[in-house]
Protein backbone atom coordinates (compact mmCIF):
# COMPACT_ATOMS: atom_id res chain seq x y z
CA MET A 1 0.00 0.00 0.00
CA GLU A 2 1.31 3.39 -0.98
CA ASP A 3 1.63 6.25 1.54
CA SER A 4 -0.75 9.07 0.65
CA ASN A 5 -2.10 12.42 1.81
CA LYS A 6 -5.51 13.98 1.03
CA ALA A 7 -6.41 17.49 2.23
CA LEU A 8 -9.79 17.61 3.98
CA PHE A 9 -9.99 21.32 4.77
CA THR A 10 -7.89 24.45 5.03
CA ILE A 11 -7.95 27.30 7.54
CA GLU A 12 -6.10 30.59 7.03
CA LYS A 13 -3.74 30.92 9.98
CA ASN A 14 -2.40 34.35 9.02
CA SER A 15 -1.49 36.27 5.87
CA GLY A 16 1.35 33.93 4.99
CA GLU A 17 0.37 30.59 6.46
CA LEU A 18 -2.42 28.02 6.15
CA LEU A 19 -3.44 25.25 8.51
CA ILE A 20 -4.30 22.14 6.50
CA VAL A 21 -6.08 19.14 7.98
CA SER A 22 -5.57 16.02 5.93
CA HIS A 23 -6.12 12.28 5.90
CA SER A 24 -2.86 10.50 5.36
CA THR A 25 -1.69 6.92 5.35
CA PHE A 26 1.73 5.83 6.49
CA LYS A 27 2.85 2.21 6.55
CA GLY A 28 -0.77 1.15 6.32
CA TYR A 29 -2.01 3.36 9.18
CA ASN A 30 -4.78 5.92 8.63
CA LEU A 31 -3.83 9.22 10.24
CA VAL A 32 -5.22 12.70 10.73
CA ASP A 33 -2.53 15.30 10.05
CA VAL A 34 -2.81 18.96 11.10
CA ARG A 35 0.06 20.94 9.62
CA THR A 36 1.09 24.52 8.90
CA TYR A 37 1.91 25.35 5.28
CA PHE A 38 3.36 28.51 3.76
CA LYS A 39 3.16 29.97 0.29
CA ASP A 40 6.38 30.76 -1.52
CA LYS A 41 6.86 33.74 -3.85
CA LEU A 42 5.29 31.75 -6.69
CA GLY A 43 2.23 30.93 -4.57
CA GLU A 44 3.09 27.25 -4.15
CA LEU A 45 2.32 25.59 -0.81
CA HIS A 46 5.05 23.97 1.26
CA ALA A 47 4.64 22.04 4.51
CA THR A 48 6.50 23.23 7.57
CA ARG A 49 7.63 21.09 10.49
CA LYS A 50 4.89 22.70 12.60
CA GLY A 51 2.06 20.23 13.08
CA CYS A 52 1.05 16.90 14.45
CA CYS A 53 -0.25 13.63 13.11
CA PHE A 54 -2.24 11.07 15.12
CA LEU A 55 -4.41 8.03 14.68
CA PRO A 56 -8.11 9.05 14.54
CA GLU A 57 -8.74 7.27 17.87
CA LEU A 58 -6.17 9.47 19.60
CA TRP A 59 -7.62 12.64 18.05
CA GLU A 60 -10.98 11.63 19.53
CA GLN A 61 -9.31 11.83 22.96
CA VAL A 62 -7.27 14.98 22.25
CA VAL A 63 -10.00 17.22 20.78
CA PRO A 64 -12.26 17.28 23.88
CA GLU A 65 -9.23 18.14 26.03
CA ILE A 66 -8.32 21.00 23.68
CA ASN A 67 -11.91 22.25 23.93
CA LYS A 68 -11.65 22.14 27.76
CA ALA A 69 -8.41 24.12 27.59
CA ILE A 70 -10.08 26.73 25.38
CA GLN A 71 -12.97 27.05 27.84
CA GLN A 72 -10.53 27.49 30.74
CA ILE A 73 -8.58 30.16 28.84
CA ARG A 74 -11.77 32.04 27.97
CA ALA A 75 -12.99 31.85 31.57
CA THR A 76 -9.74 33.27 32.94
CA THR A 77 -9.49 36.05 30.37
CA ARG A 78 -13.04 37.29 31.13
CA GLU A 79 -12.12 38.17 34.71
């Protein structure tokens, strides 16, 4: 089986960078990859080292914890 990568959606991080969420396979494992990309002078996208890639089952554990962290940050910044 060939390793592959398929972009699922893109979020503009700032004027020069994009956050791309993709489905990738590596050595037969299905993964969810969240990575920062930048555009060069010709407008071509290039991946940076900034990002993380996990099995979907691990993302299911991580996402709720990130949401809790966001709620805690919002609660402390409202004071």
